[in-house]
């Protein structure tokens, strides 16, 4: 799926549950031994009621890699400002 050890570029993050959200963020991810971890950051709509908690299940679609989708969790989350968020992402080993 991903040829390189790293991915830097646009990603679409989708939260799960009744109050699901889709966020367009910048991703900097590292792939090693079937696992993925990294940081996502970017603007969110200040009117959004998004509430991302640590360990929230999410999926990420890597926009520059066709059909590349990762399921994982938010391992840390912080609001940089009223309309910018930064979060750490990790994905368990896939299949």
C-alpha atoms as a PDB file:
ATOM      1  CA  UNK A   1       0.000   0.000   0.000  1.00  0.00           C
ATOM      2  CA  UNK A   2       2.620   2.555   1.072  1.00  0.00           C
ATOM      3  CA  UNK A   3       5.994   2.141  -0.600  1.00  0.00           C
ATOM      4  CA  UNK A   4       7.897   4.626   1.517  1.00  0.00           C
ATOM      5  CA  UNK A   5       8.694   4.548   5.213  1.00  0.00           C
ATOM      6  CA  UNK A   6       7.122   7.977   5.642  1.00  0.00           C
ATOM      7  CA  UNK A   7       4.118   9.875   4.350  1.00  0.00           C
ATOM      8  CA  UNK A   8       3.766  13.644   4.474  1.00  0.00           C
ATOM      9  CA  UNK A   9       0.746  15.168   2.838  1.00  0.00           C
ATOM     10  CA  UNK A  10      -2.989  15.669   2.977  1.00  0.00           C
ATOM     11  CA  UNK A  11      -5.176  13.199   4.827  1.00  0.00           C
ATOM     12  CA  UNK A  12      -8.884  12.898   5.476  1.00  0.00           C
ATOM     13  CA  UNK A  13      -9.639  11.867   9.057  1.00  0.00           C
ATOM     14  CA  UNK A  14     -13.014  10.297   9.801  1.00  0.00           C
ATOM     15  CA  UNK A  15     -14.317   9.801  13.323  1.00  0.00           C
ATOM     16  CA  UNK A  16     -16.745   7.035  14.205  1.00  0.00           C
ATOM     17  CA  UNK A  17     -20.037   7.005  16.053  1.00  0.00           C
ATOM     18  CA  UNK A  18     -23.286   8.918  15.913  1.00  0.00           C
ATOM     19  CA  UNK A  19     -21.556  12.301  15.783  1.00  0.00           C
ATOM     20  CA  UNK A  20     -19.077  11.373  13.046  1.00  0.00           C
ATOM     21  CA  UNK A  21     -16.895  14.072  11.503  1.00  0.00           C
ATOM     22  CA  UNK A  22     -14.587  14.311   8.515  1.00  0.00           C
ATOM     23  CA  UNK A  23     -11.549  16.580   8.813  1.00  0.00           C
ATOM     24  CA  UNK A  24      -9.080  17.500   6.111  1.00  0.00           C
ATOM     25  CA  UNK A  25      -5.677  17.632   7.821  1.00  0.00           C
ATOM     26  CA  UNK A  26      -1.970  17.526   7.069  1.00  0.00           C
ATOM     27  CA  UNK A  27      -0.325  14.262   8.078  1.00  0.00           C
ATOM     28  CA  UNK A  28       3.244  13.297   8.860  1.00  0.00           C
ATOM     29  CA  UNK A  29       3.292   9.535   9.376  1.00  0.00           C
ATOM     30  CA  UNK A  30       5.992   6.912   9.795  1.00  0.00           C
ATOM     31  CA  UNK A  31       5.554   3.257   8.843  1.00  0.00           C
ATOM     32  CA  UNK A  32       7.566   0.553  10.537  1.00  0.00           C
ATOM     33  CA  UNK A  33       6.986  -3.164  10.986  1.00  0.00           C
ATOM     34  CA  UNK A  34       3.362  -3.070   9.885  1.00  0.00           C
ATOM     35  CA  UNK A  35       2.545  -0.199  12.226  1.00  0.00           C
ATOM     36  CA  UNK A  36       1.967   3.464  11.575  1.00  0.00           C
ATOM     37  CA  UNK A  37       2.304   6.442  13.872  1.00  0.00           C
ATOM     38  CA  UNK A  38       2.573  10.163  13.444  1.00  0.00           C
ATOM     39  CA  UNK A  39       0.986  13.560  13.806  1.00  0.00           C
ATOM     40  CA  UNK A  40      -1.965  15.183  12.094  1.00  0.00           C
ATOM     41  CA  UNK A  41      -2.725  18.864  12.318  1.00  0.00           C
ATOM     42  CA  UNK A  42      -4.857  21.474  10.666  1.00  0.00           C
ATOM     43  CA  UNK A  43      -7.841  23.756  10.894  1.00  0.00           C
ATOM     44  CA  UNK A  44     -11.286  22.717  12.058  1.00  0.00           C
ATOM     45  CA  UNK A  45     -14.502  24.637  11.705  1.00  0.00           C
ATOM     46  CA  UNK A  46     -14.800  26.670  14.887  1.00  0.00           C
ATOM     47  CA  UNK A  47     -18.562  26.084  14.832  1.00  0.00           C
ATOM     48  CA  UNK A  48     -17.985  22.340  14.820  1.00  0.00           C
ATOM     49  CA  UNK A  49     -18.911  20.440  17.944  1.00  0.00           C
ATOM     50  CA  UNK A  50     -16.106  17.979  17.354  1.00  0.00           C
ATOM     51  CA  UNK A  51     -14.868  16.292  20.462  1.00  0.00           C
ATOM     52  CA  UNK A  52     -11.927  14.027  19.795  1.00  0.00           C
ATOM     53  CA  UNK A  53     -10.794  12.214  22.871  1.00  0.00           C
ATOM     54  CA  UNK A  54      -7.633  10.260  23.408  1.00  0.00           C
ATOM     55  CA  UNK A  55      -7.991   6.680  22.214  1.00  0.00           C
ATOM     56  CA  UNK A  56     -10.894   7.654  19.965  1.00  0.00           C
ATOM     57  CA  UNK A  57     -11.163   5.245  17.019  1.00  0.00           C
ATOM     58  CA  UNK A  58     -10.607   6.970  13.689  1.00  0.00           C
ATOM     59  CA  UNK A  59      -9.761   6.129  10.105  1.00  0.00           C
ATOM     60  CA  UNK A  60      -7.458   8.117   7.862  1.00  0.00           C
ATOM     61  CA  UNK A  61      -7.460   8.238   4.076  1.00  0.00           C
ATOM     62  CA  UNK A  62      -4.111   9.328   2.613  1.00  0.00           C
ATOM     63  CA  UNK A  63      -5.059  11.621  -0.243  1.00  0.00           C
ATOM     64  CA  UNK A  64      -1.767  11.286  -2.143  1.00  0.00           C
ATOM     65  CA  UNK A  65      -1.832   7.469  -1.975  1.00  0.00           C
ATOM     66  CA  UNK A  66      -4.693   5.937  -3.970  1.00  0.00           C
ATOM     67  CA  UNK A  67      -6.917   3.703  -1.851  1.00  0.00           C
ATOM     68  CA  UNK A  68      -4.651   3.993   1.193  1.00  0.00           C
ATOM     69  CA  UNK A  69      -6.782   3.911   4.318  1.00  0.00           C
ATOM     70  CA  UNK A  70      -5.610   3.342   7.880  1.00  0.00           C
ATOM     71  CA  UNK A  71      -7.702   2.440  10.891  1.00  0.00           C
ATOM     72  CA  UNK A  72      -6.308   3.384  14.253  1.00  0.00           C
ATOM     73  CA  UNK A  73      -6.765   5.647  17.231  1.00  0.00           C
ATOM     74  CA  UNK A  74      -5.947   9.101  18.483  1.00  0.00           C
ATOM     75  CA  UNK A  75      -3.202   8.558  21.055  1.00  0.00           C
ATOM     76  CA  UNK A  76      -3.001  12.238  22.057  1.00  0.00           C
ATOM     77  CA  UNK A  77      -5.100  15.262  21.159  1.00  0.00           C
ATOM     78  CA  UNK A  78      -4.697  18.965  21.698  1.00  0.00           C
ATOM     79  CA  UNK A  79      -6.381  22.106  20.470  1.00  0.00           C
ATOM     80  CA  UNK A  80      -3.612  24.448  19.326  1.00  0.00           C
ATOM     81  CA  UNK A  81      -6.031  27.350  19.030  1.00  0.00           C
ATOM     82  CA  UNK A  82      -9.763  27.880  18.659  1.00  0.00           C
ATOM     83  CA  UNK A  83      -9.690  26.579  15.100  1.00  0.00           C
ATOM     84  CA  UNK A  84      -6.542  24.437  14.822  1.00  0.00           C
ATOM     85  CA  UNK A  85      -6.059  20.942  16.218  1.00  0.00           C
ATOM     86  CA  UNK A  86      -3.059  18.658  16.516  1.00  0.00           C
ATOM     87  CA  UNK A  87      -3.261  14.967  17.287  1.00  0.00           C
ATOM     88  CA  UNK A  88      -1.043  11.942  17.472  1.00  0.00           C
ATOM     89  CA  UNK A  89      -2.238   8.911  15.554  1.00  0.00           C
ATOM     90  CA  UNK A  90      -1.254   5.283  15.777  1.00  0.00           C
ATOM     91  CA  UNK A  91      -2.404   2.299  13.823  1.00  0.00           C
ATOM     92  CA  UNK A  92      -1.976  -1.278  14.990  1.00  0.00           C
ATOM     93  CA  UNK A  93      -0.375  -3.879  12.761  1.00  0.00           C
ATOM     94  CA  UNK A  94      -2.570  -4.565   9.773  1.00  0.00           C
ATOM     95  CA  UNK A  95      -3.599  -8.071   8.762  1.00  0.00           C
END
